[in-house]
Amino acid sequence: MREEIATALAHERETGKLAQLVRRGYQKADAALDDAALTAKTERAVRIVQDYVGAMPEVIERALAAAKKESVLDHVQPIFDTAMSYVTENVDFIPDELGLAGLLDDAYLVHGLMQEISHRQRALTGRELLPEGVFDTSQQIRRMIGEPTATRLDVAVVAFARRQNVRETVEQIVEKIGGAGLSMDLPSAVAFPSAGETDDLPNLELGQASPQCTVF
C-alpha cells in the first residue's frame, strides 16, 4: 500500500493530473475565480487528498497494533486482510490510471471501515476508537468523488462491514477486553484538515465511466 501511494505521489509530481482535475472542478463551480484564487484552492485540495490517501497505511497499522496489544489481533486481522485485498484488486470504482485520484476509492473504503468499527465501539462502550473529527474529512472527500460513485462506495462499505461481521467482531473484542474497548492514537504525522478547510472541495465526478466493483 505504501508503495502504491508513493508511486501515485510521484505520478502527481510529474504530471499534476489531480491538480488539473481539481482546477477544472473549481472553474466549473465558479467561473469568476481569478488565477491566484484558483491556484491557492487547487494546492490546498491536492494537499488534503495527499494527506487523506497517505493516512491509509498508518491507520491500519495503528489499529492492528492496538489489537495486538490487547491480544485480539486474530479478531481484527481478517477484516484488514480483506480490505487490503480490495486495494490490490484490478477492478476499482475509480480507475487507478488517474494516479492519486485513483486511490481515493481505496482510501474512502479504509476510512469508512474504520468509521464502522469506531462507531460500533462507541455504541457498546461510549468511546470512539478514533476521534469523530477524523471522519469528517470523508464526507467532503465523498463530495469530491461525486455521484454515482460516492453512493456505490457507501454501499460497498456497508456490504463489506456486514460480510466481515464487523459488528459481531467489535462485540467480541469488547466482551473479551472489557472497559472502553480498544485504544488507538494516531501519530502527529497523520494529518487531517481542520474544521472548514474542506468545505469547498470541488466535485470531480470521478469513476462515472468505471464498472461497478463486484469485490463484495
N, C-alpha and C. Protein backbone atom coordinates (compact mmCIF):
# COMPACT_ATOMS: atom_id res chain seq x y z
N MET A 1 0.84 -1.19 0.00
CA MET A 1 0.00 0.00 0.00
C MET A 1 0.88 1.25 0.00
N ARG A 2 1.91 1.26 0.83
CA ARG A 2 2.80 2.41 0.87
C ARG A 2 3.48 2.61 -0.49
N GLU A 3 3.83 1.52 -1.15
CA GLU A 3 4.47 1.62 -2.46
C GLU A 3 3.51 2.23 -3.49
N GLU A 4 2.24 1.79 -3.45
CA GLU A 4 1.24 2.34 -4.36
C GLU A 4 1.07 3.84 -4.14
N ILE A 5 1.03 4.23 -2.87
CA ILE A 5 0.85 5.64 -2.54
C ILE A 5 2.07 6.44 -3.01
N ALA A 6 3.26 5.90 -2.78
CA ALA A 6 4.48 6.59 -3.21
C ALA A 6 4.50 6.76 -4.73
N THR A 7 4.07 5.72 -5.44
CA THR A 7 4.00 5.78 -6.90
C THR A 7 3.01 6.85 -7.35
N ALA A 8 1.85 6.89 -6.69
CA ALA A 8 0.82 7.87 -7.05
C ALA A 8 1.29 9.29 -6.77
N LEU A 9 2.00 9.48 -5.66
CA LEU A 9 2.52 10.81 -5.34
C LEU A 9 3.57 11.25 -6.36
N ALA A 10 4.42 10.30 -6.76
CA ALA A 10 5.43 10.62 -7.77
C ALA A 10 4.75 10.96 -9.11
N HIS A 11 3.71 10.22 -9.44
CA HIS A 11 2.96 10.48 -10.67
C HIS A 11 2.35 11.88 -10.64
N GLU A 12 1.84 12.27 -9.48
CA GLU A 12 1.24 13.60 -9.36
C GLU A 12 2.30 14.70 -9.49
N ARG A 13 3.47 14.47 -8.92
CA ARG A 13 4.54 15.46 -9.04
C ARG A 13 4.96 15.63 -10.50
N GLU A 14 4.97 14.52 -11.23
CA GLU A 14 5.41 14.55 -12.63
C GLU A 14 4.36 15.10 -13.57
N THR A 15 3.09 14.77 -13.33
CA THR A 15 2.03 15.09 -14.30
C THR A 15 1.07 16.18 -13.83
N GLY A 16 0.91 16.34 -12.50
CA GLY A 16 -0.07 17.28 -12.00
C GLY A 16 -1.49 16.94 -12.40
N LYS A 17 -1.75 15.64 -12.61
CA LYS A 17 -3.06 15.23 -13.13
C LYS A 17 -4.20 15.57 -12.17
N LEU A 18 -4.01 15.27 -10.89
CA LEU A 18 -5.05 15.61 -9.92
C LEU A 18 -5.24 17.12 -9.85
N ALA A 19 -4.15 17.85 -9.85
CA ALA A 19 -4.24 19.31 -9.79
C ALA A 19 -5.04 19.85 -10.97
N GLN A 20 -4.85 19.25 -12.14
CA GLN A 20 -5.60 19.67 -13.32
C GLN A 20 -7.10 19.40 -13.14
N LEU A 21 -7.42 18.20 -12.63
CA LEU A 21 -8.82 17.85 -12.40
C LEU A 21 -9.46 18.80 -11.38
N VAL A 22 -8.72 19.07 -10.30
CA VAL A 22 -9.23 19.94 -9.25
C VAL A 22 -9.44 21.36 -9.78
N ARG A 23 -8.47 21.85 -10.52
CA ARG A 23 -8.57 23.22 -11.06
C ARG A 23 -9.80 23.35 -11.96
N ARG A 24 -10.00 22.35 -12.83
CA ARG A 24 -11.18 22.39 -13.71
C ARG A 24 -12.46 22.31 -12.89
N GLY A 25 -12.44 21.53 -11.81
CA GLY A 25 -13.61 21.42 -10.95
C GLY A 25 -13.97 22.75 -10.32
N TYR A 26 -12.96 23.48 -9.86
CA TYR A 26 -13.21 24.80 -9.27
C TYR A 26 -13.70 25.79 -10.33
N GLN A 27 -13.11 25.73 -11.52
CA GLN A 27 -13.53 26.63 -12.59
C GLN A 27 -14.98 26.37 -13.00
N LYS A 28 -15.35 25.10 -13.02
CA LYS A 28 -16.73 24.75 -13.38
C LYS A 28 -17.71 25.25 -12.33
N ALA A 29 -17.30 25.20 -11.06
CA ALA A 29 -18.18 25.62 -9.97
C ALA A 29 -18.27 27.14 -9.87
N ASP A 30 -17.18 27.84 -10.23
CA ASP A 30 -17.17 29.30 -10.09
C ASP A 30 -16.24 29.90 -11.15
N ALA A 31 -16.82 30.29 -12.26
CA ALA A 31 -16.03 30.82 -13.38
C ALA A 31 -15.40 32.16 -13.05
N ALA A 32 -15.84 32.81 -11.98
CA ALA A 32 -15.32 34.13 -11.63
C ALA A 32 -14.02 34.08 -10.84
N LEU A 33 -13.58 32.92 -10.44
CA LEU A 33 -12.35 32.82 -9.66
C LEU A 33 -11.15 33.28 -10.48
N ASP A 34 -10.30 34.13 -9.89
CA ASP A 34 -9.10 34.55 -10.61
C ASP A 34 -8.00 33.50 -10.46
N ASP A 35 -6.91 33.69 -11.17
CA ASP A 35 -5.85 32.68 -11.22
C ASP A 35 -5.23 32.43 -9.85
N ALA A 36 -5.03 33.50 -9.09
CA ALA A 36 -4.41 33.34 -7.76
C ALA A 36 -5.30 32.51 -6.84
N ALA A 37 -6.60 32.79 -6.86
CA ALA A 37 -7.53 32.03 -6.01
C ALA A 37 -7.61 30.58 -6.46
N LEU A 38 -7.63 30.38 -7.78
CA LEU A 38 -7.67 29.01 -8.30
C LEU A 38 -6.44 28.22 -7.88
N THR A 39 -5.28 28.84 -7.97
CA THR A 39 -4.03 28.17 -7.60
C THR A 39 -4.02 27.82 -6.12
N ALA A 40 -4.42 28.75 -5.28
CA ALA A 40 -4.42 28.51 -3.83
C ALA A 40 -5.41 27.39 -3.47
N LYS A 41 -6.60 27.43 -4.04
CA LYS A 41 -7.61 26.41 -3.75
C LYS A 41 -7.14 25.05 -4.25
N THR A 42 -6.55 25.03 -5.43
CA THR A 42 -6.09 23.77 -6.02
C THR A 42 -4.98 23.15 -5.17
N GLU A 43 -4.01 23.96 -4.77
CA GLU A 43 -2.91 23.44 -3.94
C GLU A 43 -3.43 22.89 -2.63
N ARG A 44 -4.38 23.58 -2.02
CA ARG A 44 -4.95 23.11 -0.75
C ARG A 44 -5.69 21.79 -0.94
N ALA A 45 -6.49 21.69 -2.00
CA ALA A 45 -7.27 20.48 -2.25
C ALA A 45 -6.36 19.28 -2.52
N VAL A 46 -5.31 19.49 -3.29
CA VAL A 46 -4.37 18.40 -3.58
C VAL A 46 -3.68 17.94 -2.30
N ARG A 47 -3.32 18.90 -1.44
CA ARG A 47 -2.70 18.53 -0.16
C ARG A 47 -3.65 17.71 0.70
N ILE A 48 -4.91 18.08 0.72
CA ILE A 48 -5.91 17.35 1.51
C ILE A 48 -6.03 15.91 1.00
N VAL A 49 -6.07 15.74 -0.32
CA VAL A 49 -6.14 14.40 -0.89
C VAL A 49 -4.88 13.61 -0.56
N GLN A 50 -3.72 14.23 -0.66
CA GLN A 50 -2.46 13.55 -0.33
C GLN A 50 -2.48 13.05 1.11
N ASP A 51 -2.93 13.89 2.02
CA ASP A 51 -2.97 13.51 3.43
C ASP A 51 -3.99 12.40 3.68
N TYR A 52 -5.14 12.51 3.04
CA TYR A 52 -6.22 11.53 3.22
C TYR A 52 -5.79 10.16 2.72
N VAL A 53 -5.21 10.12 1.55
CA VAL A 53 -4.72 8.86 0.98
C VAL A 53 -3.53 8.35 1.79
N GLY A 54 -2.63 9.24 2.14
CA GLY A 54 -1.42 8.85 2.85
C GLY A 54 -1.67 8.30 4.24
N ALA A 55 -2.83 8.63 4.82
CA ALA A 55 -3.15 8.14 6.17
C ALA A 55 -3.55 6.67 6.18
N MET A 56 -3.90 6.12 5.03
CA MET A 56 -4.41 4.74 4.97
C MET A 56 -3.54 3.71 5.68
N PRO A 57 -2.29 3.55 5.28
CA PRO A 57 -1.48 2.50 5.92
C PRO A 57 -1.25 2.74 7.40
N GLU A 58 -1.08 4.01 7.78
CA GLU A 58 -0.83 4.32 9.20
C GLU A 58 -2.04 3.97 10.05
N VAL A 59 -3.24 4.28 9.56
CA VAL A 59 -4.46 3.96 10.30
C VAL A 59 -4.59 2.45 10.48
N ILE A 60 -4.35 1.70 9.42
CA ILE A 60 -4.44 0.24 9.51
C ILE A 60 -3.41 -0.31 10.49
N GLU A 61 -2.17 0.16 10.37
CA GLU A 61 -1.11 -0.34 11.25
C GLU A 61 -1.40 -0.03 12.71
N ARG A 62 -1.91 1.17 12.99
CA ARG A 62 -2.23 1.55 14.36
C ARG A 62 -3.37 0.71 14.92
N ALA A 63 -4.35 0.41 14.07
CA ALA A 63 -5.47 -0.43 14.50
C ALA A 63 -4.99 -1.84 14.82
N LEU A 64 -4.13 -2.38 13.97
CA LEU A 64 -3.60 -3.72 14.21
C LEU A 64 -2.72 -3.75 15.45
N ALA A 65 -1.93 -2.69 15.65
CA ALA A 65 -1.07 -2.62 16.84
C ALA A 65 -1.91 -2.57 18.11
N ALA A 66 -3.02 -1.80 18.08
CA ALA A 66 -3.91 -1.73 19.24
C ALA A 66 -4.53 -3.08 19.53
N ALA A 67 -4.91 -3.79 18.46
CA ALA A 67 -5.50 -5.12 18.63
C ALA A 67 -4.48 -6.11 19.18
N LYS A 68 -3.25 -6.02 18.68
CA LYS A 68 -2.19 -6.91 19.16
C LYS A 68 -1.90 -6.66 20.63
N LYS A 69 -1.88 -5.41 21.04
CA LYS A 69 -1.62 -5.06 22.43
C LYS A 69 -2.63 -5.68 23.37
N GLU A 70 -3.88 -5.78 22.90
CA GLU A 70 -4.96 -6.34 23.73
C GLU A 70 -5.19 -7.83 23.47
N SER A 71 -4.29 -8.44 22.69
CA SER A 71 -4.37 -9.87 22.37
C SER A 71 -5.66 -10.25 21.65
N VAL A 72 -6.12 -9.36 20.76
CA VAL A 72 -7.31 -9.66 19.95
C VAL A 72 -6.99 -9.50 18.47
N LEU A 73 -5.72 -9.64 18.12
CA LEU A 73 -5.31 -9.47 16.72
C LEU A 73 -6.02 -10.46 15.81
N ASP A 74 -6.26 -11.67 16.32
CA ASP A 74 -6.90 -12.69 15.49
C ASP A 74 -8.33 -12.29 15.13
N HIS A 75 -8.95 -11.41 15.92
CA HIS A 75 -10.29 -10.93 15.60
C HIS A 75 -10.25 -9.87 14.50
N VAL A 76 -9.24 -9.02 14.55
CA VAL A 76 -9.19 -7.85 13.68
C VAL A 76 -8.47 -8.12 12.36
N GLN A 77 -7.46 -8.98 12.38
CA GLN A 77 -6.63 -9.21 11.20
C GLN A 77 -7.43 -9.57 9.95
N PRO A 78 -8.43 -10.48 10.02
CA PRO A 78 -9.16 -10.85 8.80
C PRO A 78 -9.87 -9.67 8.14
N ILE A 79 -10.34 -8.72 8.94
CA ILE A 79 -11.03 -7.56 8.38
C ILE A 79 -10.08 -6.77 7.50
N PHE A 80 -8.87 -6.52 7.99
CA PHE A 80 -7.94 -5.70 7.24
C PHE A 80 -7.24 -6.49 6.13
N ASP A 81 -7.14 -7.81 6.28
CA ASP A 81 -6.62 -8.62 5.18
C ASP A 81 -7.53 -8.49 3.96
N THR A 82 -8.85 -8.53 4.21
CA THR A 82 -9.80 -8.40 3.11
C THR A 82 -9.78 -6.99 2.55
N ALA A 83 -9.64 -6.00 3.41
CA ALA A 83 -9.54 -4.61 2.94
C ALA A 83 -8.32 -4.44 2.04
N MET A 84 -7.22 -5.04 2.44
CA MET A 84 -6.01 -4.95 1.62
C MET A 84 -6.19 -5.64 0.28
N SER A 85 -6.94 -6.75 0.27
CA SER A 85 -7.17 -7.45 -0.99
C SER A 85 -7.97 -6.58 -1.95
N TYR A 86 -8.87 -5.76 -1.42
CA TYR A 86 -9.61 -4.84 -2.28
C TYR A 86 -8.67 -3.79 -2.88
N VAL A 87 -7.80 -3.26 -2.05
CA VAL A 87 -6.90 -2.21 -2.51
C VAL A 87 -6.03 -2.69 -3.66
N THR A 88 -5.70 -3.99 -3.68
CA THR A 88 -4.83 -4.53 -4.73
C THR A 88 -5.62 -5.09 -5.90
N GLU A 89 -6.96 -5.05 -5.85
CA GLU A 89 -7.76 -5.55 -6.95
C GLU A 89 -7.61 -4.66 -8.18
N ASN A 90 -7.78 -5.29 -9.37
CA ASN A 90 -7.69 -4.54 -10.61
C ASN A 90 -8.98 -3.78 -10.92
N VAL A 91 -10.12 -4.25 -10.39
CA VAL A 91 -11.40 -3.60 -10.63
C VAL A 91 -11.64 -2.58 -9.53
N ASP A 92 -11.76 -1.33 -9.91
CA ASP A 92 -11.92 -0.25 -8.95
C ASP A 92 -13.15 0.58 -9.29
N PHE A 93 -13.61 1.33 -8.31
CA PHE A 93 -14.65 2.31 -8.57
C PHE A 93 -14.09 3.49 -9.33
N ILE A 94 -12.83 3.84 -9.05
CA ILE A 94 -12.14 4.93 -9.72
C ILE A 94 -10.88 4.35 -10.35
N PRO A 95 -10.66 4.55 -11.64
CA PRO A 95 -9.51 3.92 -12.31
C PRO A 95 -8.18 4.31 -11.69
N ASP A 96 -7.32 3.34 -11.49
CA ASP A 96 -6.01 3.61 -10.91
C ASP A 96 -5.13 4.47 -11.81
N GLU A 97 -5.43 4.46 -13.12
CA GLU A 97 -4.61 5.26 -14.03
C GLU A 97 -4.76 6.76 -13.80
N LEU A 98 -5.72 7.14 -12.96
CA LEU A 98 -5.85 8.56 -12.60
C LEU A 98 -4.79 8.98 -11.59
N GLY A 99 -3.95 8.04 -11.18
CA GLY A 99 -2.89 8.39 -10.24
C GLY A 99 -3.42 8.58 -8.83
N LEU A 100 -3.13 9.73 -8.25
CA LEU A 100 -3.53 10.00 -6.87
C LEU A 100 -5.05 9.96 -6.72
N ALA A 101 -5.76 10.51 -7.67
CA ALA A 101 -7.23 10.47 -7.63
C ALA A 101 -7.74 9.03 -7.68
N GLY A 102 -6.98 8.15 -8.32
CA GLY A 102 -7.37 6.75 -8.44
C GLY A 102 -7.28 5.97 -7.15
N LEU A 103 -6.66 6.56 -6.12
CA LEU A 103 -6.58 5.90 -4.81
C LEU A 103 -7.65 6.40 -3.85
N LEU A 104 -8.46 7.35 -4.27
CA LEU A 104 -9.47 7.90 -3.37
C LEU A 104 -10.52 6.87 -2.99
N ASP A 105 -10.88 5.97 -3.91
CA ASP A 105 -11.86 4.95 -3.55
C ASP A 105 -11.29 3.98 -2.52
N ASP A 106 -10.00 3.63 -2.66
CA ASP A 106 -9.35 2.76 -1.68
C ASP A 106 -9.33 3.43 -0.30
N ALA A 107 -8.94 4.71 -0.29
CA ALA A 107 -8.87 5.43 0.98
C ALA A 107 -10.25 5.59 1.61
N TYR A 108 -11.24 5.86 0.79
CA TYR A 108 -12.60 6.02 1.30
C TYR A 108 -13.10 4.73 1.93
N LEU A 109 -12.76 3.60 1.31
CA LEU A 109 -13.14 2.31 1.86
C LEU A 109 -12.46 2.07 3.20
N VAL A 110 -11.16 2.30 3.27
CA VAL A 110 -10.41 2.05 4.51
C VAL A 110 -10.92 2.94 5.63
N HIS A 111 -11.07 4.22 5.36
CA HIS A 111 -11.56 5.14 6.39
C HIS A 111 -13.02 4.84 6.75
N GLY A 112 -13.80 4.41 5.77
CA GLY A 112 -15.19 4.03 6.05
C GLY A 112 -15.25 2.81 6.94
N LEU A 113 -14.37 1.86 6.71
CA LEU A 113 -14.30 0.67 7.55
C LEU A 113 -13.92 1.05 8.98
N MET A 114 -12.94 1.93 9.13
CA MET A 114 -12.54 2.37 10.46
C MET A 114 -13.68 3.10 11.16
N GLN A 115 -14.47 3.83 10.40
CA GLN A 115 -15.61 4.52 10.99
C GLN A 115 -16.65 3.52 11.49
N GLU A 116 -16.89 2.46 10.72
CA GLU A 116 -17.82 1.42 11.16
C GLU A 116 -17.36 0.79 12.47
N ILE A 117 -16.07 0.47 12.56
CA ILE A 117 -15.52 -0.12 13.77
C ILE A 117 -15.61 0.85 14.94
N SER A 118 -15.21 2.10 14.68
CA SER A 118 -15.18 3.10 15.73
C SER A 118 -16.57 3.40 16.27
N HIS A 119 -17.54 3.54 15.38
CA HIS A 119 -18.91 3.84 15.82
C HIS A 119 -19.54 2.67 16.56
N ARG A 120 -19.19 1.46 16.14
CA ARG A 120 -19.73 0.28 16.85
C ARG A 120 -19.16 0.21 18.26
N GLN A 121 -17.88 0.52 18.39
CA GLN A 121 -17.29 0.53 19.73
C GLN A 121 -17.94 1.61 20.59
N ARG A 122 -18.22 2.77 20.00
CA ARG A 122 -18.87 3.83 20.77
C ARG A 122 -20.26 3.39 21.24
N ALA A 123 -20.98 2.68 20.38
CA ALA A 123 -22.32 2.20 20.75
C ALA A 123 -22.25 1.24 21.93
N LEU A 124 -21.15 0.50 22.03
CA LEU A 124 -21.03 -0.51 23.09
C LEU A 124 -20.39 0.04 24.36
N THR A 125 -19.48 1.00 24.19
CA THR A 125 -18.69 1.45 25.35
C THR A 125 -18.81 2.95 25.62
N GLY A 126 -19.35 3.70 24.66
CA GLY A 126 -19.39 5.15 24.79
C GLY A 126 -18.10 5.82 24.37
N ARG A 127 -17.15 5.06 23.83
CA ARG A 127 -15.83 5.60 23.47
C ARG A 127 -15.47 5.23 22.04
N GLU A 128 -15.18 6.26 21.23
CA GLU A 128 -14.77 6.04 19.85
C GLU A 128 -13.36 5.45 19.80
N LEU A 129 -13.10 4.66 18.77
CA LEU A 129 -11.74 4.19 18.53
C LEU A 129 -10.87 5.34 18.03
N LEU A 130 -11.46 6.20 17.22
CA LEU A 130 -10.78 7.37 16.69
C LEU A 130 -11.65 8.60 16.92
N PRO A 131 -11.04 9.78 17.02
CA PRO A 131 -11.84 10.99 17.20
C PRO A 131 -12.81 11.18 16.04
N GLU A 132 -14.01 11.66 16.34
CA GLU A 132 -15.03 11.84 15.31
C GLU A 132 -14.54 12.75 14.18
N GLY A 133 -13.71 13.73 14.52
CA GLY A 133 -13.22 14.66 13.51
C GLY A 133 -12.42 13.99 12.40
N VAL A 134 -11.83 12.83 12.70
CA VAL A 134 -11.05 12.11 11.70
C VAL A 134 -11.93 11.75 10.51
N PHE A 135 -13.20 11.47 10.78
CA PHE A 135 -14.10 11.00 9.72
C PHE A 135 -14.82 12.13 9.01
N ASP A 136 -14.71 13.35 9.53
CA ASP A 136 -15.37 14.47 8.87
C ASP A 136 -14.81 14.69 7.46
N THR A 137 -13.52 14.45 7.31
CA THR A 137 -12.90 14.63 6.00
C THR A 137 -13.54 13.71 4.96
N SER A 138 -13.92 12.51 5.37
CA SER A 138 -14.51 11.57 4.41
C SER A 138 -15.78 12.13 3.78
N GLN A 139 -16.56 12.88 4.54
CA GLN A 139 -17.78 13.45 3.98
C GLN A 139 -17.48 14.45 2.88
N GLN A 140 -16.40 15.19 3.02
CA GLN A 140 -16.02 16.14 1.99
C GLN A 140 -15.35 15.44 0.81
N ILE A 141 -14.58 14.40 1.09
CA ILE A 141 -13.99 13.60 0.02
C ILE A 141 -15.11 12.94 -0.78
N ARG A 142 -16.18 12.57 -0.10
CA ARG A 142 -17.33 11.98 -0.78
C ARG A 142 -17.87 12.93 -1.83
N ARG A 143 -18.00 14.21 -1.47
CA ARG A 143 -18.48 15.20 -2.42
C ARG A 143 -17.50 15.37 -3.58
N MET A 144 -16.22 15.30 -3.28
CA MET A 144 -15.22 15.41 -4.33
C MET A 144 -15.33 14.25 -5.32
N ILE A 145 -15.53 13.05 -4.82
CA ILE A 145 -15.68 11.88 -5.69
C ILE A 145 -16.88 12.04 -6.60
N GLY A 146 -18.00 12.50 -6.04
CA GLY A 146 -19.19 12.75 -6.84
C GLY A 146 -20.06 11.52 -7.04
N GLU A 147 -21.24 11.77 -7.54
CA GLU A 147 -22.19 10.70 -7.82
C GLU A 147 -22.06 10.22 -9.27
N PRO A 148 -22.41 8.94 -9.53
CA PRO A 148 -22.98 7.95 -8.59
C PRO A 148 -21.93 7.16 -7.82
N THR A 149 -20.65 7.46 -8.07
CA THR A 149 -19.59 6.66 -7.48
C THR A 149 -19.60 6.71 -5.95
N ALA A 150 -19.88 7.89 -5.39
CA ALA A 150 -19.88 8.02 -3.93
C ALA A 150 -20.90 7.11 -3.28
N THR A 151 -22.10 7.05 -3.86
CA THR A 151 -23.13 6.18 -3.29
C THR A 151 -22.74 4.71 -3.44
N ARG A 152 -22.14 4.36 -4.55
CA ARG A 152 -21.68 2.98 -4.74
C ARG A 152 -20.63 2.61 -3.69
N LEU A 153 -19.77 3.56 -3.38
CA LEU A 153 -18.76 3.31 -2.35
C LEU A 153 -19.41 3.15 -0.98
N ASP A 154 -20.40 3.97 -0.68
CA ASP A 154 -21.11 3.84 0.61
C ASP A 154 -21.74 2.46 0.74
N VAL A 155 -22.36 2.01 -0.32
CA VAL A 155 -22.99 0.68 -0.32
C VAL A 155 -21.92 -0.40 -0.12
N ALA A 156 -20.76 -0.21 -0.77
CA ALA A 156 -19.68 -1.19 -0.64
C ALA A 156 -19.14 -1.25 0.78
N VAL A 157 -19.01 -0.10 1.43
CA VAL A 157 -18.51 -0.07 2.82
C VAL A 157 -19.46 -0.84 3.73
N VAL A 158 -20.76 -0.59 3.59
CA VAL A 158 -21.74 -1.28 4.43
C VAL A 158 -21.72 -2.77 4.14
N ALA A 159 -21.68 -3.13 2.86
CA ALA A 159 -21.66 -4.55 2.49
C ALA A 159 -20.40 -5.23 3.00
N PHE A 160 -19.28 -4.53 2.91
CA PHE A 160 -18.02 -5.07 3.39
C PHE A 160 -18.08 -5.30 4.90
N ALA A 161 -18.59 -4.33 5.63
CA ALA A 161 -18.68 -4.45 7.09
C ALA A 161 -19.56 -5.62 7.48
N ARG A 162 -20.64 -5.83 6.75
CA ARG A 162 -21.54 -6.96 7.05
C ARG A 162 -20.89 -8.28 6.70
N ARG A 163 -20.23 -8.31 5.55
CA ARG A 163 -19.59 -9.55 5.12
C ARG A 163 -18.50 -9.97 6.09
N GLN A 164 -17.78 -8.98 6.60
CA GLN A 164 -16.68 -9.27 7.53
C GLN A 164 -17.13 -9.33 8.99
N ASN A 165 -18.45 -9.25 9.19
CA ASN A 165 -19.01 -9.35 10.55
C ASN A 165 -18.37 -8.35 11.50
N VAL A 166 -18.19 -7.10 11.03
CA VAL A 166 -17.56 -6.08 11.85
C VAL A 166 -18.31 -5.86 13.15
N ARG A 167 -19.63 -5.82 13.07
CA ARG A 167 -20.44 -5.60 14.27
C ARG A 167 -20.17 -6.67 15.32
N GLU A 168 -20.22 -7.93 14.90
CA GLU A 168 -20.00 -9.03 15.83
C GLU A 168 -18.57 -9.07 16.33
N THR A 169 -17.62 -8.73 15.45
CA THR A 169 -16.22 -8.73 15.84
C THR A 169 -15.95 -7.72 16.94
N VAL A 170 -16.48 -6.53 16.79
CA VAL A 170 -16.28 -5.50 17.82
C VAL A 170 -16.93 -5.92 19.13
N GLU A 171 -18.11 -6.53 19.04
CA GLU A 171 -18.78 -7.03 20.24
C GLU A 171 -17.92 -8.06 20.96
N GLN A 172 -17.31 -8.96 20.18
CA GLN A 172 -16.45 -10.00 20.77
C GLN A 172 -15.22 -9.37 21.43
N ILE A 173 -14.65 -8.36 20.78
CA ILE A 173 -13.47 -7.70 21.34
C ILE A 173 -13.81 -7.02 22.66
N VAL A 174 -14.91 -6.27 22.67
CA VAL A 174 -15.31 -5.56 23.89
C VAL A 174 -15.62 -6.55 25.00
N GLU A 175 -16.27 -7.66 24.65
CA GLU A 175 -16.57 -8.68 25.66
C GLU A 175 -15.30 -9.28 26.23
N LYS A 176 -14.29 -9.44 25.38
CA LYS A 176 -13.06 -10.08 25.82
C LYS A 176 -12.19 -9.15 26.66
N ILE A 177 -12.05 -7.88 26.24
CA ILE A 177 -11.12 -7.00 26.95
C ILE A 177 -11.83 -6.05 27.91
N GLY A 178 -13.15 -5.88 27.72
CA GLY A 178 -13.93 -5.05 28.64
C GLY A 178 -13.55 -3.58 28.59
N GLY A 179 -13.98 -2.86 29.59
CA GLY A 179 -13.65 -1.44 29.70
C GLY A 179 -14.16 -0.62 28.54
N ALA A 180 -13.31 0.24 28.01
CA ALA A 180 -13.68 1.16 26.93
C ALA A 180 -13.33 0.62 25.55
N GLY A 181 -12.94 -0.66 25.48
CA GLY A 181 -12.59 -1.24 24.20
C GLY A 181 -11.16 -0.91 23.79
N LEU A 182 -10.89 -0.96 22.50
CA LEU A 182 -9.55 -0.69 22.00
C LEU A 182 -9.21 0.79 22.15
N SER A 183 -7.94 1.06 22.33
CA SER A 183 -7.45 2.43 22.42
C SER A 183 -6.41 2.64 21.33
N MET A 184 -6.63 3.64 20.50
CA MET A 184 -5.75 3.84 19.36
C MET A 184 -5.47 5.32 19.18
N ASP A 185 -4.20 5.67 19.09
CA ASP A 185 -3.81 7.06 18.89
C ASP A 185 -3.06 7.19 17.57
N LEU A 186 -3.45 8.20 16.79
CA LEU A 186 -2.74 8.46 15.54
C LEU A 186 -1.54 9.36 15.80
N PRO A 187 -0.43 9.11 15.13
CA PRO A 187 0.75 9.97 15.31
C PRO A 187 0.52 11.33 14.68
N SER A 188 1.30 12.29 15.10
CA SER A 188 1.14 13.65 14.60
C SER A 188 1.42 13.74 13.10
N ALA A 189 2.14 12.75 12.56
CA ALA A 189 2.45 12.76 11.12
C ALA A 189 1.20 12.52 10.27
N VAL A 190 0.16 11.92 10.87
CA VAL A 190 -1.08 11.70 10.14
C VAL A 190 -1.91 12.97 10.23
N ALA A 191 -2.02 13.66 9.12
CA ALA A 191 -2.67 14.97 9.12
C ALA A 191 -4.08 14.89 8.55
N PHE A 192 -5.03 15.49 9.25
CA PHE A 192 -6.39 15.67 8.74
C PHE A 192 -6.71 17.16 8.82
N PRO A 193 -7.49 17.64 7.86
CA PRO A 193 -7.76 19.09 7.82
C PRO A 193 -8.50 19.57 9.06
N SER A 194 -8.29 20.84 9.38
CA SER A 194 -9.05 21.45 10.46
C SER A 194 -10.45 21.79 9.97
N ALA A 195 -11.34 22.07 10.89
CA ALA A 195 -12.73 22.37 10.55
C ALA A 195 -12.80 23.51 9.54
N GLY A 196 -13.57 23.28 8.48
CA GLY A 196 -13.78 24.31 7.48
C GLY A 196 -12.84 24.25 6.30
N GLU A 197 -11.71 23.55 6.45
CA GLU A 197 -10.72 23.52 5.36
C GLU A 197 -11.23 22.79 4.13
N THR A 198 -12.12 21.83 4.33
CA THR A 198 -12.57 21.00 3.21
C THR A 198 -13.94 21.40 2.69
N ASP A 199 -14.49 22.51 3.18
CA ASP A 199 -15.87 22.85 2.87
C ASP A 199 -16.14 23.10 1.40
N ASP A 200 -15.13 23.48 0.64
CA ASP A 200 -15.39 23.81 -0.76
C ASP A 200 -14.62 22.92 -1.74
N LEU A 201 -14.31 21.69 -1.33
CA LEU A 201 -13.67 20.79 -2.28
C LEU A 201 -14.58 20.58 -3.49
N PRO A 202 -14.02 20.59 -4.70
CA PRO A 202 -14.87 20.52 -5.90
C PRO A 202 -15.35 19.11 -6.19
N ASN A 203 -16.47 19.00 -6.87
CA ASN A 203 -16.99 17.72 -7.34
C ASN A 203 -16.25 17.36 -8.62
N LEU A 204 -15.47 16.28 -8.57
CA LEU A 204 -14.67 15.87 -9.72
C LEU A 204 -15.35 14.81 -10.57
N GLU A 205 -16.51 14.33 -10.11
CA GLU A 205 -17.29 13.33 -10.86
C GLU A 205 -16.42 12.14 -11.25
N LEU A 206 -15.70 11.62 -10.28
CA LEU A 206 -14.76 10.53 -10.54
C LEU A 206 -15.46 9.19 -10.73
N GLY A 207 -14.90 8.38 -11.59
CA GLY A 207 -15.35 6.99 -11.71
C GLY A 207 -16.64 6.77 -12.45
N GLN A 208 -17.20 7.78 -13.08
CA GLN A 208 -18.51 7.61 -13.71
C GLN A 208 -18.49 6.60 -14.85
N ALA A 209 -17.35 6.49 -15.51
CA ALA A 209 -17.27 5.57 -16.64
C ALA A 209 -16.76 4.20 -16.24
N SER A 210 -16.49 4.01 -14.93
CA SER A 210 -15.94 2.74 -14.47
C SER A 210 -17.03 1.75 -14.14
N PRO A 211 -16.79 0.44 -14.31
CA PRO A 211 -17.77 -0.55 -13.93
C PRO A 211 -17.93 -0.60 -12.42
N GLN A 212 -19.11 -0.99 -11.97
CA GLN A 212 -19.31 -1.12 -10.53
C GLN A 212 -18.49 -2.28 -10.00
N CYS A 213 -17.76 -2.05 -8.94
CA CYS A 213 -16.90 -3.07 -8.37
C CYS A 213 -17.75 -4.20 -7.78
N THR A 214 -17.32 -5.44 -8.01
CA THR A 214 -18.07 -6.60 -7.53
C THR A 214 -17.29 -7.40 -6.52
N VAL A 215 -16.27 -6.77 -5.92
CA VAL A 215 -15.42 -7.46 -4.95
C VAL A 215 -16.25 -7.99 -3.79
N PHE A 216 -17.29 -7.24 -3.39
CA PHE A 216 -18.04 -7.59 -2.21
C PHE A 216 -19.15 -8.57 -2.50
